[in-house]
Amino acid sequence: MDLENQKRVKEFAEQYGAENIVVLLGAAEGEASGLAAETVTAGDPTYAGPLTGVSLGLTVYHICEPEIKAEVDEGVYEDQISMMEMVLDVDDIVNEMSGIRDQYCKYL
């Protein structure tokens, strides 16, 4: 997650309250998704951005997870995401995201 997005997430959490924020990711790999998820929950593990040492505990999901897919209009999901989903290792992403939520999310 780039530094500007870290700054935005931190500002939104401060403005609206961390319990009212859900972060939705779309990275193409489980490892990249996990790194971004860890950043918005436990703090920036690379020690490079505004979330270094900041544990927001935000709720975080990937767009391809079943919980989110069920919430998105079927036609919109088909048009915007289904092609990407076909080439992703969705199981790997789900496992990575579930592990991060289990370990760090405070507001589930």
Protein backbone atom coordinates (compact mmCIF):
# COMPACT_ATOMS: atom_id res chain seq x y z
CA MET A 1 0.00 0.00 0.00
CA ASP A 2 1.54 3.28 -1.07
CA LEU A 3 2.21 6.11 1.35
CA GLU A 4 -0.61 8.32 0.08
CA ASN A 5 -3.19 5.57 0.57
CA GLN A 6 -1.83 4.91 4.06
CA LYS A 7 -2.31 8.59 4.84
CA ARG A 8 -5.89 8.54 3.52
CA VAL A 9 -6.80 5.42 5.50
CA LYS A 10 -5.38 6.93 8.68
CA GLU A 11 -7.26 10.20 8.14
CA PHE A 12 -10.55 8.37 7.47
CA ALA A 13 -10.11 6.25 10.60
CA GLU A 14 -9.48 9.39 12.66
CA GLN A 15 -12.39 11.27 11.07
CA TYR A 16 -15.04 8.54 11.09
CA GLY A 17 -13.78 6.14 13.76
CA ALA A 18 -11.98 2.89 13.00
CA GLU A 19 -15.08 0.89 13.92
CA ASN A 20 -16.91 2.53 10.98
CA ILE A 21 -14.32 1.77 8.29
CA VAL A 22 -14.06 -1.31 6.08
CA VAL A 23 -11.08 -1.51 3.74
CA LEU A 24 -11.67 -3.31 0.45
CA LEU A 25 -8.60 -4.57 -1.42
CA GLY A 26 -8.11 -5.83 -4.95
CA ALA A 27 -4.49 -6.95 -5.13
CA ALA A 28 -3.76 -9.80 -7.53
CA GLU A 29 -1.85 -12.02 -5.08
CA GLY A 30 -2.46 -13.33 -1.60
CA GLU A 31 0.88 -12.05 -0.32
CA ALA A 32 0.27 -8.52 -1.62
CA SER A 33 -3.24 -8.55 -0.18
CA GLY A 34 -1.90 -9.77 3.14
CA LEU A 35 0.72 -7.04 3.28
CA ALA A 36 -1.88 -4.34 2.62
CA ALA A 37 -4.27 -5.93 5.11
CA GLU A 38 -1.57 -6.08 7.77
CA THR A 39 -0.78 -2.41 7.11
CA VAL A 40 -4.35 -1.24 7.87
CA THR A 41 -4.76 -3.52 10.86
CA ALA A 42 -1.43 -3.85 12.71
CA GLY A 43 0.57 -1.03 11.11
CA ASP A 44 2.99 -0.73 8.22
CA PRO A 45 5.33 -3.76 8.45
CA THR A 46 7.83 -2.06 6.12
CA TYR A 47 8.23 0.88 8.54
CA ALA A 48 8.00 3.32 5.64
CA GLY A 49 4.65 5.04 5.84
CA PRO A 50 2.20 6.99 7.98
CA LEU A 51 0.87 3.74 9.49
CA THR A 52 4.25 2.70 10.89
CA GLY A 53 3.56 1.70 14.48
CA VAL A 54 -0.14 2.59 14.12
CA SER A 55 -2.44 -0.32 14.88
CA LEU A 56 -5.84 0.69 13.50
CA GLY A 57 -7.36 -2.80 13.64
CA LEU A 58 -9.57 -2.00 10.65
CA THR A 59 -11.84 -4.59 9.11
CA VAL A 60 -10.37 -5.58 5.76
CA TYR A 61 -11.55 -7.80 2.90
CA HIS A 62 -10.56 -8.60 -0.67
CA ILE A 63 -13.14 -7.97 -3.40
CA CYS A 64 -13.05 -11.67 -4.39
CA GLU A 65 -13.92 -13.00 -0.94
CA PRO A 66 -17.34 -14.66 -0.76
CA GLU A 67 -18.61 -12.26 1.92
CA ILE A 68 -18.01 -9.26 -0.33
CA LYS A 69 -18.98 -10.95 -3.58
CA ALA A 70 -22.39 -11.68 -2.03
CA GLU A 71 -22.87 -7.97 -1.29
CA VAL A 72 -22.05 -6.69 -4.78
CA ASP A 73 -24.71 -6.48 -7.49
CA GLU A 74 -24.28 -9.61 -9.61
CA GLY A 75 -24.19 -7.70 -12.91
CA VAL A 76 -21.63 -5.22 -11.64
CA TYR A 77 -19.45 -8.02 -10.28
CA GLU A 78 -19.68 -9.86 -13.58
CA ASP A 79 -18.74 -6.74 -15.58
CA GLN A 80 -16.00 -5.41 -13.33
CA ILE A 81 -14.41 -8.28 -11.42
CA SER A 82 -15.23 -11.74 -12.79
CA MET A 83 -12.50 -11.68 -15.48
CA MET A 84 -9.88 -10.84 -12.87
CA GLU A 85 -11.24 -13.48 -10.52
CA MET A 86 -10.72 -16.20 -13.13
CA VAL A 87 -6.95 -15.71 -13.14
CA LEU A 88 -6.44 -15.19 -9.40
CA ASP A 89 -5.67 -17.81 -6.79
CA VAL A 90 -8.78 -16.87 -4.82
CA ASP A 91 -8.23 -19.61 -2.21
CA ASP A 92 -4.78 -18.23 -1.43
CA ILE A 93 -6.18 -14.71 -1.14
CA VAL A 94 -9.04 -15.86 1.13
CA ASN A 95 -6.63 -17.78 3.37
CA GLU A 96 -4.29 -14.80 3.64
CA MET A 97 -7.08 -12.34 4.37
CA SER A 98 -8.78 -14.63 6.90
CA GLY A 99 -5.51 -15.05 8.77
CA ILE A 100 -4.96 -11.30 8.98
CA ARG A 101 -8.54 -10.68 10.17
CA ASP A 102 -8.29 -13.42 12.78
CA GLN A 103 -5.02 -12.03 14.08
CA TYR A 104 -5.47 -8.26 13.93
CA CYS A 105 -9.00 -6.98 13.22
CA LYS A 106 -10.67 -5.39 16.21
CA TYR A 107 -14.04 -4.48 14.72
CA LEU A 108 -15.49 -7.70 13.29
